[in-house]
Amino acid sequence: LSCDPQPGLILMGDSDSLIRLFVNLLDNAIKFTKCGGVTVTGRSE
């Protein structure tokens, strides 16, 4: 499980909801992956 987002990604939002969002997504990715891994990236566009 690797996480490599660009530093300084700032937004206005609800932190609890965002934590729940990415926990759900990462938990799904781990649950349905049998071999290999999961990669998390983030960037500003």
PDB file of all heavy atoms in Angstrom:
ATOM      1  N   LEU A   1       0.871  -1.185   0.000  1.00  0.00           N
ATOM      2  CA  LEU A   1       0.000   0.000   0.000  1.00  0.00           C
ATOM      3  C   LEU A   1       0.901   1.227   0.000  1.00  0.00           C
ATOM      4  O   LEU A   1       1.596   1.504   0.982  1.00  0.00           O
ATOM      5  CB  LEU A   1      -0.921   0.002   1.215  1.00  0.00           C
ATOM      6  CG  LEU A   1      -1.793   1.246   1.394  1.00  0.00           C
ATOM      7  CD1 LEU A   1      -2.676   1.471   0.169  1.00  0.00           C
ATOM      8  CD2 LEU A   1      -2.659   1.127   2.649  1.00  0.00           C
ATOM      9  N   SER A   2       0.932   1.938  -1.119  1.00  0.00           N
ATOM     10  CA  SER A   2       1.768   3.137  -1.226  1.00  0.00           C
ATOM     11  C   SER A   2       0.877   4.361  -1.365  1.00  0.00           C
ATOM     12  O   SER A   2      -0.178   4.319  -2.013  1.00  0.00           O
ATOM     13  CB  SER A   2       2.695   3.026  -2.438  1.00  0.00           C
ATOM     14  OG  SER A   2       1.945   2.976  -3.639  1.00  0.00           O
ATOM     15  N   CYS A   3       1.316   5.437  -0.751  1.00  0.00           N
ATOM     16  CA  CYS A   3       0.569   6.712  -0.813  1.00  0.00           C
ATOM     17  C   CYS A   3       1.563   7.820  -1.132  1.00  0.00           C
ATOM     18  O   CYS A   3       2.483   8.087  -0.348  1.00  0.00           O
ATOM     19  CB  CYS A   3      -0.148   6.972   0.514  1.00  0.00           C
ATOM     20  SG  CYS A   3      -1.129   8.494   0.530  1.00  0.00           S
ATOM     21  N   ASP A   4       1.411   8.451  -2.289  1.00  0.00           N
ATOM     22  CA  ASP A   4       2.376   9.454  -2.728  1.00  0.00           C
ATOM     23  C   ASP A   4       1.653  10.661  -3.355  1.00  0.00           C
ATOM     24  O   ASP A   4       1.742  10.901  -4.562  1.00  0.00           O
ATOM     25  CB  ASP A   4       3.343   8.843  -3.734  1.00  0.00           C
ATOM     26  CG  ASP A   4       4.462   9.815  -4.111  1.00  0.00           C
ATOM     27  OD1 ASP A   4       4.752  10.717  -3.295  1.00  0.00           O
ATOM     28  OD2 ASP A   4       5.008   9.681  -5.223  1.00  0.00           O
ATOM     29  N   PRO A   5       0.932  11.434  -2.547  1.00  0.00           N
ATOM     30  CA  PRO A   5       0.270  12.623  -3.089  1.00  0.00           C
ATOM     31  C   PRO A   5       1.225  13.804  -3.167  1.00  0.00           C
ATOM     32  O   PRO A   5       2.244  13.846  -2.461  1.00  0.00           O
ATOM     33  CB  PRO A   5      -0.846  12.890  -2.074  1.00  0.00           C
ATOM     34  CG  PRO A   5      -0.276  12.397  -0.783  1.00  0.00           C
ATOM     35  CD  PRO A   5       0.602  11.212  -1.136  1.00  0.00           C
ATOM     36  N   GLN A   6       0.938  14.735  -4.028  1.00  0.00           N
ATOM     37  CA  GLN A   6       1.701  15.983  -4.056  1.00  0.00           C
ATOM     38  C   GLN A   6       1.507  16.708  -2.718  1.00  0.00           C
ATOM     39  O   GLN A   6       0.415  16.698  -2.150  1.00  0.00           O
ATOM     40  CB  GLN A   6       1.209  16.887  -5.185  1.00  0.00           C
ATOM     41  CG  GLN A   6       1.586  16.415  -6.574  1.00  0.00           C
ATOM     42  CD  GLN A   6       1.091  17.372  -7.648  1.00  0.00           C
ATOM     43  OE1 GLN A   6       0.439  18.368  -7.344  1.00  0.00           O
ATOM     44  NE2 GLN A   6       1.410  17.068  -8.901  1.00  0.00           N
ATOM     45  N   PRO A   7       2.564  17.309  -2.209  1.00  0.00           N
ATOM     46  CA  PRO A   7       2.400  18.046  -0.944  1.00  0.00           C
ATOM     47  C   PRO A   7       1.593  19.324  -1.167  1.00  0.00           C
ATOM     48  O   PRO A   7       1.569  19.899  -2.255  1.00  0.00           O
ATOM     49  CB  PRO A   7       3.838  18.361  -0.532  1.00  0.00           C
ATOM     50  CG  PRO A   7       4.604  18.364  -1.821  1.00  0.00           C
ATOM     51  CD  PRO A   7       3.952  17.328  -2.695  1.00  0.00           C
ATOM     52  N   GLY A   8       0.909  19.752  -0.116  1.00  0.00           N
ATOM     53  CA  GLY A   8       0.196  21.019  -0.147  1.00  0.00           C
ATOM     54  C   GLY A   8      -1.123  21.005  -0.898  1.00  0.00           C
ATOM     55  O   GLY A   8      -1.528  22.030  -1.453  1.00  0.00           O
ATOM     56  N   LEU A   9      -1.806  19.856  -0.911  1.00  0.00           N
ATOM     57  CA  LEU A   9      -3.137  19.792  -1.527  1.00  0.00           C
ATOM     58  C   LEU A   9      -4.157  20.280  -0.502  1.00  0.00           C
ATOM     59  O   LEU A   9      -4.542  19.552   0.422  1.00  0.00           O
ATOM     60  CB  LEU A   9      -3.456  18.363  -1.986  1.00  0.00           C
ATOM     61  CG  LEU A   9      -2.505  17.750  -3.022  1.00  0.00           C
ATOM     62  CD1 LEU A   9      -2.944  16.330  -3.364  1.00  0.00           C
ATOM     63  CD2 LEU A   9      -2.452  18.619  -4.275  1.00  0.00           C
ATOM     64  N   ILE A  10      -4.597  21.523  -0.658  1.00  0.00           N
ATOM     65  CA  ILE A  10      -5.474  22.147   0.332  1.00  0.00           C
ATOM     66  C   ILE A  10      -6.848  22.371  -0.298  1.00  0.00           C
ATOM     67  O   ILE A  10      -6.966  22.807  -1.450  1.00  0.00           O
ATOM     68  CB  ILE A  10      -4.901  23.495   0.827  1.00  0.00           C
ATOM     69  CG1 ILE A  10      -3.468  23.301   1.342  1.00  0.00           C
ATOM     70  CG2 ILE A  10      -5.795  24.089   1.897  1.00  0.00           C
ATOM     71  CD1 ILE A  10      -3.371  22.375   2.532  1.00  0.00           C
ATOM     72  N   LEU A  11      -7.894  22.086   0.485  1.00  0.00           N
ATOM     73  CA  LEU A  11      -9.255  22.374   0.044  1.00  0.00           C
ATOM     74  C   LEU A  11     -10.121  22.710   1.248  1.00  0.00           C
ATOM     75  O   LEU A  11      -9.715  22.475   2.396  1.00  0.00           O
ATOM     76  CB  LEU A  11      -9.862  21.183  -0.707  1.00  0.00           C
ATOM     77  CG  LEU A  11     -10.369  19.996   0.128  1.00  0.00           C
ATOM     78  CD1 LEU A  11     -11.378  19.192  -0.667  1.00  0.00           C
ATOM     79  CD2 LEU A  11      -9.230  19.111   0.577  1.00  0.00           C
ATOM     80  N   MET A  12     -11.295  23.262   0.970  1.00  0.00           N
ATOM     81  CA  MET A  12     -12.268  23.535   2.023  1.00  0.00           C
ATOM     82  C   MET A  12     -13.275  22.389   2.034  1.00  0.00           C
ATOM     83  O   MET A  12     -13.951  22.127   1.034  1.00  0.00           O
ATOM     84  CB  MET A  12     -12.981  24.866   1.765  1.00  0.00           C
ATOM     85  CG  MET A  12     -12.072  26.083   1.787  1.00  0.00           C
ATOM     86  SD  MET A  12     -11.231  26.299   3.384  1.00  0.00           S
ATOM     87  CE  MET A  12     -12.643  26.635   4.441  1.00  0.00           C
ATOM     88  N   GLY A  13     -13.367  21.682   3.170  1.00  0.00           N
ATOM     89  CA  GLY A  13     -14.280  20.549   3.232  1.00  0.00           C
ATOM     90  C   GLY A  13     -14.483  20.083   4.654  1.00  0.00           C
ATOM     91  O   GLY A  13     -13.991  20.678   5.615  1.00  0.00           O
ATOM     92  N   ASP A  14     -15.222  18.979   4.775  1.00  0.00           N
ATOM     93  CA  ASP A  14     -15.479  18.374   6.077  1.00  0.00           C
ATOM     94  C   ASP A  14     -14.509  17.202   6.244  1.00  0.00           C
ATOM     95  O   ASP A  14     -14.590  16.206   5.513  1.00  0.00           O
ATOM     96  CB  ASP A  14     -16.932  17.893   6.153  1.00  0.00           C
ATOM     97  CG  ASP A  14     -17.239  17.216   7.466  1.00  0.00           C
ATOM     98  OD1 ASP A  14     -17.206  17.884   8.510  1.00  0.00           O
ATOM     99  OD2 ASP A  14     -17.485  15.992   7.450  1.00  0.00           O
ATOM    100  N   SER A  15     -13.611  17.313   7.187  1.00  0.00           N
ATOM    101  CA  SER A  15     -12.540  16.317   7.323  1.00  0.00           C
ATOM    102  C   SER A  15     -13.094  14.940   7.684  1.00  0.00           C
ATOM    103  O   SER A  15     -12.611  13.919   7.172  1.00  0.00           O
ATOM    104  CB  SER A  15     -11.530  16.782   8.369  1.00  0.00           C
ATOM    105  OG  SER A  15     -12.168  16.974   9.628  1.00  0.00           O
ATOM    106  N   ASP A  16     -14.117  14.864   8.560  1.00  0.00           N
ATOM    107  CA  ASP A  16     -14.677  13.565   8.941  1.00  0.00           C
ATOM    108  C   ASP A  16     -15.275  12.856   7.727  1.00  0.00           C
ATOM    109  O   ASP A  16     -15.078  11.645   7.543  1.00  0.00           O
ATOM    110  CB  ASP A  16     -15.745  13.747  10.016  1.00  0.00           C
ATOM    111  CG  ASP A  16     -15.154  14.212  11.341  1.00  0.00           C
ATOM    112  OD1 ASP A  16     -13.943  13.984  11.550  1.00  0.00           O
ATOM    113  OD2 ASP A  16     -15.892  14.795  12.152  1.00  0.00           O
ATOM    114  N   SER A  17     -16.003  13.604   6.905  1.00  0.00           N
ATOM    115  CA  SER A  17     -16.599  12.989   5.708  1.00  0.00           C
ATOM    116  C   SER A  17     -15.520  12.548   4.729  1.00  0.00           C
ATOM    117  O   SER A  17     -15.630  11.474   4.109  1.00  0.00           O
ATOM    118  CB  SER A  17     -17.544  13.985   5.021  1.00  0.00           C
ATOM    119  OG  SER A  17     -18.625  14.315   5.860  1.00  0.00           O
ATOM    120  N   LEU A  18     -14.475  13.352   4.569  1.00  0.00           N
ATOM    121  CA  LEU A  18     -13.400  12.983   3.653  1.00  0.00           C
ATOM    122  C   LEU A  18     -12.647  11.749   4.142  1.00  0.00           C
ATOM    123  O   LEU A  18     -12.248  10.891   3.343  1.00  0.00           O
ATOM    124  CB  LEU A  18     -12.441  14.157   3.471  1.00  0.00           C
ATOM    125  CG  LEU A  18     -13.026  15.376   2.745  1.00  0.00           C
ATOM    126  CD1 LEU A  18     -12.043  16.536   2.754  1.00  0.00           C
ATOM    127  CD2 LEU A  18     -13.398  15.013   1.310  1.00  0.00           C
ATOM    128  N   ILE A  19     -12.455  11.644   5.455  1.00  0.00           N
ATOM    129  CA  ILE A  19     -11.807  10.425   6.002  1.00  0.00           C
ATOM    130  C   ILE A  19     -12.683   9.214   5.700  1.00  0.00           C
ATOM    131  O   ILE A  19     -12.194   8.167   5.265  1.00  0.00           O
ATOM    132  CB  ILE A  19     -11.570  10.584   7.517  1.00  0.00           C
ATOM    133  CG1 ILE A  19     -10.473  11.639   7.768  1.00  0.00           C
ATOM    134  CG2 ILE A  19     -11.195   9.251   8.145  1.00  0.00           C
ATOM    135  CD1 ILE A  19     -10.293  11.972   9.239  1.00  0.00           C
ATOM    136  N   ARG A  20     -14.001   9.326   5.918  1.00  0.00           N
ATOM    137  CA  ARG A  20     -14.910   8.221   5.639  1.00  0.00           C
ATOM    138  C   ARG A  20     -14.879   7.856   4.157  1.00  0.00           C
ATOM    139  O   ARG A  20     -14.920   6.675   3.784  1.00  0.00           O
ATOM    140  CB  ARG A  20     -16.325   8.610   6.057  1.00  0.00           C
ATOM    141  CG  ARG A  20     -17.320   7.458   5.996  1.00  0.00           C
ATOM    142  CD  ARG A  20     -18.714   7.907   6.396  1.00  0.00           C
ATOM    143  NE  ARG A  20     -18.713   8.578   7.680  1.00  0.00           N
ATOM    144  CZ  ARG A  20     -19.062   9.853   7.859  1.00  0.00           C
ATOM    145  NH1 ARG A  20     -19.432  10.592   6.821  1.00  0.00           N
ATOM    146  NH2 ARG A  20     -19.031  10.393   9.053  1.00  0.00           N
ATOM    147  N   LEU A  21     -14.782   8.879   3.289  1.00  0.00           N
ATOM    148  CA  LEU A  21     -14.730   8.650   1.849  1.00  0.00           C
ATOM    149  C   LEU A  21     -13.523   7.779   1.478  1.00  0.00           C
ATOM    150  O   LEU A  21     -13.666   6.731   0.824  1.00  0.00           O
ATOM    151  CB  LEU A  21     -14.672   9.993   1.123  1.00  0.00           C
ATOM    152  CG  LEU A  21     -14.210   9.980  -0.333  1.00  0.00           C
ATOM    153  CD1 LEU A  21     -15.230   9.262  -1.208  1.00  0.00           C
ATOM    154  CD2 LEU A  21     -13.951  11.407  -0.832  1.00  0.00           C
ATOM    155  N   PHE A  22     -12.335   8.192   1.888  1.00  0.00           N
ATOM    156  CA  PHE A  22     -11.128   7.475   1.451  1.00  0.00           C
ATOM    157  C   PHE A  22     -10.924   6.163   2.212  1.00  0.00           C
ATOM    158  O   PHE A  22     -10.298   5.237   1.675  1.00  0.00           O
ATOM    159  CB  PHE A  22      -9.912   8.401   1.574  1.00  0.00           C
ATOM    160  CG  PHE A  22      -9.952   9.553   0.609  1.00  0.00           C
ATOM    161  CD1 PHE A  22     -10.146  10.857   1.054  1.00  0.00           C
ATOM    162  CD2 PHE A  22      -9.852   9.326  -0.752  1.00  0.00           C
ATOM    163  CE1 PHE A  22     -10.196  11.912   0.164  1.00  0.00           C
ATOM    164  CE2 PHE A  22      -9.894  10.377  -1.638  1.00  0.00           C
ATOM    165  CZ  PHE A  22     -10.087  11.674  -1.194  1.00  0.00           C
ATOM    166  N   VAL A  23     -11.471   6.062   3.429  1.00  0.00           N
ATOM    167  CA  VAL A  23     -11.440   4.770   4.119  1.00  0.00           C
ATOM    168  C   VAL A  23     -12.270   3.759   3.342  1.00  0.00           C
ATOM    169  O   VAL A  23     -11.858   2.601   3.143  1.00  0.00           O
ATOM    170  CB  VAL A  23     -11.937   4.917   5.564  1.00  0.00           C
ATOM    171  CG1 VAL A  23     -12.244   3.541   6.164  1.00  0.00           C
ATOM    172  CG2 VAL A  23     -10.889   5.612   6.430  1.00  0.00           C
ATOM    173  N   ASN A  24     -13.467   4.170   2.893  1.00  0.00           N
ATOM    174  CA  ASN A  24     -14.316   3.271   2.108  1.00  0.00           C
ATOM    175  C   ASN A  24     -13.618   2.825   0.831  1.00  0.00           C
ATOM    176  O   ASN A  24     -13.624   1.641   0.468  1.00  0.00           O
ATOM    177  CB  ASN A  24     -15.639   3.959   1.753  1.00  0.00           C
ATOM    178  CG  ASN A  24     -16.672   3.839   2.853  1.00  0.00           C
ATOM    179  OD1 ASN A  24     -16.577   2.958   3.712  1.00  0.00           O
ATOM    180  ND2 ASN A  24     -17.653   4.723   2.844  1.00  0.00           N
ATOM    181  N   LEU A  25     -13.015   3.792   0.122  1.00  0.00           N
ATOM    182  CA  LEU A  25     -12.387   3.469  -1.160  1.00  0.00           C
ATOM    183  C   LEU A  25     -11.165   2.572  -0.974  1.00  0.00           C
ATOM    184  O   LEU A  25     -10.987   1.594  -1.720  1.00  0.00           O
ATOM    185  CB  LEU A  25     -12.001   4.766  -1.885  1.00  0.00           C
ATOM    186  CG  LEU A  25     -13.172   5.688  -2.291  1.00  0.00           C
ATOM    187  CD1 LEU A  25     -12.649   6.954  -2.969  1.00  0.00           C
ATOM    188  CD2 LEU A  25     -14.139   4.964  -3.214  1.00  0.00           C
ATOM    189  N   LEU A  26     -10.318   2.887   0.004  1.00  0.00           N
ATOM    190  CA  LEU A  26      -9.141   2.052   0.237  1.00  0.00           C
ATOM    191  C   LEU A  26      -9.528   0.677   0.765  1.00  0.00           C
ATOM    192  O   LEU A  26      -8.919  -0.340   0.393  1.00  0.00           O
ATOM    193  CB  LEU A  26      -8.197   2.750   1.216  1.00  0.00           C
ATOM    194  CG  LEU A  26      -7.302   3.843   0.619  1.00  0.00           C
ATOM    195  CD1 LEU A  26      -6.508   4.524   1.723  1.00  0.00           C
ATOM    196  CD2 LEU A  26      -6.364   3.259  -0.417  1.00  0.00           C
ATOM    197  N   ASP A  27     -10.538   0.622   1.625  1.00  0.00           N
ATOM    198  CA  ASP A  27     -10.982  -0.669   2.160  1.00  0.00           C
ATOM    199  C   ASP A  27     -11.512  -1.558   1.040  1.00  0.00           C
ATOM    200  O   ASP A  27     -11.237  -2.759   0.999  1.00  0.00           O
ATOM    201  CB  ASP A  27     -12.063  -0.446   3.212  1.00  0.00           C
ATOM    202  CG  ASP A  27     -12.540  -1.751   3.822  1.00  0.00           C
ATOM    203  OD1 ASP A  27     -11.748  -2.411   4.515  1.00  0.00           O
ATOM    204  OD2 ASP A  27     -13.719  -2.112   3.586  1.00  0.00           O
ATOM    205  N   ASN A  28     -12.260  -0.962   0.100  1.00  0.00           N
ATOM    206  CA  ASN A  28     -12.742  -1.736  -1.046  1.00  0.00           C
ATOM    207  C   ASN A  28     -11.585  -2.244  -1.891  1.00  0.00           C
ATOM    208  O   ASN A  28     -11.567  -3.392  -2.340  1.00  0.00           O
ATOM    209  CB  ASN A  28     -13.670  -0.871  -1.910  1.00  0.00           C
ATOM    210  CG  ASN A  28     -15.119  -1.004  -1.504  1.00  0.00           C
ATOM    211  OD1 ASN A  28     -15.450  -1.787  -0.631  1.00  0.00           O
ATOM    212  ND2 ASN A  28     -15.975  -0.219  -2.130  1.00  0.00           N
ATOM    213  N   ALA A  29     -10.615  -1.355  -2.156  1.00  0.00           N
ATOM    214  CA  ALA A  29      -9.479  -1.738  -2.988  1.00  0.00           C
ATOM    215  C   ALA A  29      -8.701  -2.891  -2.356  1.00  0.00           C
ATOM    216  O   ALA A  29      -8.287  -3.845  -3.037  1.00  0.00           O
ATOM    217  CB  ALA A  29      -8.573  -0.537  -3.216  1.00  0.00           C
ATOM    218  N   ILE A  30      -8.484  -2.818  -1.052  1.00  0.00           N
ATOM    219  CA  ILE A  30      -7.751  -3.894  -0.364  1.00  0.00           C
ATOM    220  C   ILE A  30      -8.579  -5.176  -0.338  1.00  0.00           C
ATOM    221  O   ILE A  30      -8.076  -6.285  -0.541  1.00  0.00           O
ATOM    222  CB  ILE A  30      -7.385  -3.443   1.066  1.00  0.00           C
ATOM    223  CG1 ILE A  30      -6.394  -2.271   1.004  1.00  0.00           C
ATOM    224  CG2 ILE A  30      -6.809  -4.598   1.867  1.00  0.00           C
ATOM    225  CD1 ILE A  30      -6.132  -1.628   2.345  1.00  0.00           C
ATOM    226  N   LYS A  31      -9.867  -5.038  -0.114  1.00  0.00           N
ATOM    227  CA  LYS A  31     -10.743  -6.205   0.029  1.00  0.00           C
ATOM    228  C   LYS A  31     -10.788  -7.036  -1.247  1.00  0.00           C
ATOM    229  O   LYS A  31     -10.793  -8.270  -1.208  1.00  0.00           O
ATOM    230  CB  LYS A  31     -12.144  -5.730   0.403  1.00  0.00           C
ATOM    231  CG  LYS A  31     -13.133  -6.865   0.662  1.00  0.00           C
ATOM    232  CD  LYS A  31     -14.539  -6.307   0.893  1.00  0.00           C
ATOM    233  CE  LYS A  31     -14.567  -5.365   2.079  1.00  0.00           C
ATOM    234  NZ  LYS A  31     -15.939  -4.870   2.324  1.00  0.00           N
ATOM    235  N   PHE A  32     -10.797  -6.371  -2.407  1.00  0.00           N
ATOM    236  CA  PHE A  32     -10.974  -7.105  -3.657  1.00  0.00           C
ATOM    237  C   PHE A  32      -9.651  -7.339  -4.408  1.00  0.00           C
ATOM    238  O   PHE A  32      -9.668  -7.714  -5.572  1.00  0.00           O
ATOM    239  CB  PHE A  32     -11.964  -6.364  -4.568  1.00  0.00           C
ATOM    240  CG  PHE A  32     -13.336  -6.265  -3.982  1.00  0.00           C
ATOM    241  CD1 PHE A  32     -13.828  -5.046  -3.573  1.00  0.00           C
ATOM    242  CD2 PHE A  32     -14.118  -7.395  -3.819  1.00  0.00           C
ATOM    243  CE1 PHE A  32     -15.101  -4.948  -3.017  1.00  0.00           C
ATOM    244  CE2 PHE A  32     -15.391  -7.310  -3.273  1.00  0.00           C
ATOM    245  CZ  PHE A  32     -15.882  -6.087  -2.856  1.00  0.00           C
ATOM    246  N   THR A  33      -8.537  -7.072  -3.764  1.00  0.00           N
ATOM    247  CA  THR A  33      -7.235  -7.327  -4.374  1.00  0.00           C
ATOM    248  C   THR A  33      -6.586  -8.524  -3.681  1.00  0.00           C
ATOM    249  O   THR A  33      -6.401  -8.519  -2.458  1.00  0.00           O
ATOM    250  CB  THR A  33      -6.320  -6.094  -4.255  1.00  0.00           C
ATOM    251  OG1 THR A  33      -6.945  -4.981  -4.897  1.00  0.00           O
ATOM    252  CG2 THR A  33      -4.985  -6.354  -4.924  1.00  0.00           C
ATOM    253  N   LYS A  34      -6.251  -9.527  -4.453  1.00  0.00           N
ATOM    254  CA  LYS A  34      -5.673 -10.748  -3.869  1.00  0.00           C
ATOM    255  C   LYS A  34      -4.151 -10.748  -3.933  1.00  0.00           C
ATOM    256  O   LYS A  34      -3.493 -11.380  -3.099  1.00  0.00           O
ATOM    257  CB  LYS A  34      -6.222 -11.969  -4.597  1.00  0.00           C
ATOM    258  CG  LYS A  34      -7.719 -12.163  -4.409  1.00  0.00           C
ATOM    259  CD  LYS A  34      -8.210 -13.414  -5.118  1.00  0.00           C
ATOM    260  CE  LYS A  34      -9.705 -13.624  -4.905  1.00  0.00           C
ATOM    261  NZ  LYS A  34     -10.198 -14.844  -5.589  1.00  0.00           N
ATOM    262  N   CYS A  35      -3.587 -10.088  -4.907  1.00  0.00           N
ATOM    263  CA  CYS A  35      -2.134 -10.014  -4.997  1.00  0.00           C
ATOM    264  C   CYS A  35      -1.741  -8.691  -5.636  1.00  0.00           C
ATOM    265  O   CYS A  35      -2.547  -8.073  -6.335  1.00  0.00           O
ATOM    266  CB  CYS A  35      -1.558 -11.181  -5.812  1.00  0.00           C
ATOM    267  SG  CYS A  35      -2.161 -11.246  -7.517  1.00  0.00           S
ATOM    268  N   GLY A  36      -0.534  -8.275  -5.387  1.00  0.00           N
ATOM    269  CA  GLY A  36      -0.100  -6.995  -5.932  1.00  0.00           C
ATOM    270  C   GLY A  36      -0.183  -5.920  -4.873  1.00  0.00           C
ATOM    271  O   GLY A  36       0.420  -6.037  -3.796  1.00  0.00           O
ATOM    272  N   GLY A  37      -0.900  -4.869  -5.129  1.00  0.00           N
ATOM    273  CA  GLY A  37      -0.992  -3.783  -4.160  1.00  0.00           C
ATOM    274  C   GLY A  37      -1.958  -2.695  -4.570  1.00  0.00           C
ATOM    275  O   GLY A  37      -2.623  -2.765  -5.610  1.00  0.00           O
ATOM    276  N   VAL A  38      -1.998  -1.678  -3.730  1.00  0.00           N
ATOM    277  CA  VAL A  38      -2.883  -0.526  -3.929  1.00  0.00           C
ATOM    278  C   VAL A  38      -2.024   0.729  -3.898  1.00  0.00           C
ATOM    279  O   VAL A  38      -1.142   0.866  -3.031  1.00  0.00           O
ATOM    280  CB  VAL A  38      -3.980  -0.457  -2.850  1.00  0.00           C
ATOM    281  CG1 VAL A  38      -4.854   0.779  -3.054  1.00  0.00           C
ATOM    282  CG2 VAL A  38      -4.834  -1.721  -2.853  1.00  0.00           C
ATOM    283  N   THR A  39      -2.293   1.644  -4.842  1.00  0.00           N
ATOM    284  CA  THR A  39      -1.512   2.877  -4.943  1.00  0.00           C
ATOM    285  C   THR A  39      -2.447   4.075  -4.826  1.00  0.00           C
ATOM    286  O   THR A  39      -3.495   4.125  -5.494  1.00  0.00           O
ATOM    287  CB  THR A  39      -0.765   2.943  -6.285  1.00  0.00           C
ATOM    288  OG1 THR A  39       0.072   1.798  -6.409  1.00  0.00           O
ATOM    289  CG2 THR A  39       0.073   4.210  -6.372  1.00  0.00           C
ATOM    290  N   VAL A  40      -2.044   5.040  -3.997  1.00  0.00           N
ATOM    291  CA  VAL A  40      -2.814   6.273  -3.810  1.00  0.00           C
ATOM    292  C   VAL A  40      -1.961   7.448  -4.264  1.00  0.00           C
ATOM    293  O   VAL A  40      -0.832   7.615  -3.779  1.00  0.00           O
ATOM    294  CB  VAL A  40      -3.248   6.465  -2.349  1.00  0.00           C
ATOM    295  CG1 VAL A  40      -4.066   7.753  -2.201  1.00  0.00           C
ATOM    296  CG2 VAL A  40      -4.052   5.268  -1.860  1.00  0.00           C
ATOM    297  N   THR A  41      -2.464   8.234  -5.197  1.00  0.00           N
ATOM    298  CA  THR A  41      -1.766   9.439  -5.661  1.00  0.00           C
ATOM    299  C   THR A  41      -2.745  10.613  -5.624  1.00  0.00           C
ATOM    300  O   THR A  41      -3.964  10.447  -5.681  1.00  0.00           O
ATOM    301  CB  THR A  41      -1.226   9.262  -7.089  1.00  0.00           C
ATOM    302  OG1 THR A  41      -2.320   8.988  -7.974  1.00  0.00           O
ATOM    303  CG2 THR A  41      -0.207   8.139  -7.151  1.00  0.00           C
ATOM    304  N   GLY A  42      -2.157  11.788  -5.559  1.00  0.00           N
ATOM    305  CA  GLY A  42      -2.975  13.014  -5.575  1.00  0.00           C
ATOM    306  C   GLY A  42      -2.217  14.139  -6.243  1.00  0.00           C
ATOM    307  O   GLY A  42      -0.998  14.256  -6.093  1.00  0.00           O
ATOM    308  N   ARG A  43      -2.951  14.964  -6.998  1.00  0.00           N
ATOM    309  CA  ARG A  43      -2.312  16.072  -7.705  1.00  0.00           C
ATOM    310  C   ARG A  43      -3.299  17.226  -7.842  1.00  0.00           C
ATOM    311  O   ARG A  43      -4.514  17.061  -7.715  1.00  0.00           O
ATOM    312  CB  ARG A  43      -1.836  15.615  -9.085  1.00  0.00           C
ATOM    313  CG  ARG A  43      -2.950  15.145 -10.003  1.00  0.00           C
ATOM    314  CD  ARG A  43      -2.399  14.631 -11.330  1.00  0.00           C
ATOM    315  NE  ARG A  43      -3.464  14.198 -12.231  1.00  0.00           N
ATOM    316  CZ  ARG A  43      -4.019  12.991 -12.205  1.00  0.00           C
ATOM    317  NH1 ARG A  43      -3.604  12.088 -11.315  1.00  0.00           N
ATOM    318  NH2 ARG A  43      -4.989  12.680 -13.054  1.00  0.00           N
ATOM    319  N   SER A  44      -2.745  18.373  -8.125  1.00  0.00           N
ATOM    320  CA  SER A  44      -3.549  19.587  -8.322  1.00  0.00           C
ATOM    321  C   SER A  44      -3.646  19.883  -9.804  1.00  0.00           C
ATOM    322  O   SER A  44      -2.642  19.898 -10.520  1.00  0.00           O
ATOM    323  CB  SER A  44      -2.910  20.768  -7.587  1.00  0.00           C
ATOM    324  OG  SER A  44      -3.640  21.954  -7.845  1.00  0.00           O
ATOM    325  N   GLU A  45      -4.875  20.129 -10.263  1.00  0.00           N
ATOM    326  CA  GLU A  45      -5.124  20.439 -11.674  1.00  0.00           C
ATOM    327  C   GLU A  45      -6.078  21.630 -11.749  1.00  0.00           C
ATOM    328  O   GLU A  45      -7.250  21.503 -11.403  1.00  0.00           O
ATOM    329  CB  GLU A  45      -5.725  19.236 -12.404  1.00  0.00           C
ATOM    330  CG  GLU A  45      -4.811  18.026 -12.455  1.00  0.00           C
ATOM    331  CD  GLU A  45      -5.474  16.832 -13.137  1.00  0.00           C
ATOM    332  OE1 GLU A  45      -6.723  16.875 -13.278  1.00  0.00           O
ATOM    333  OE2 GLU A  45      -4.771  15.898 -13.517  1.00  0.00           O
TER     334      GLU A  45
END
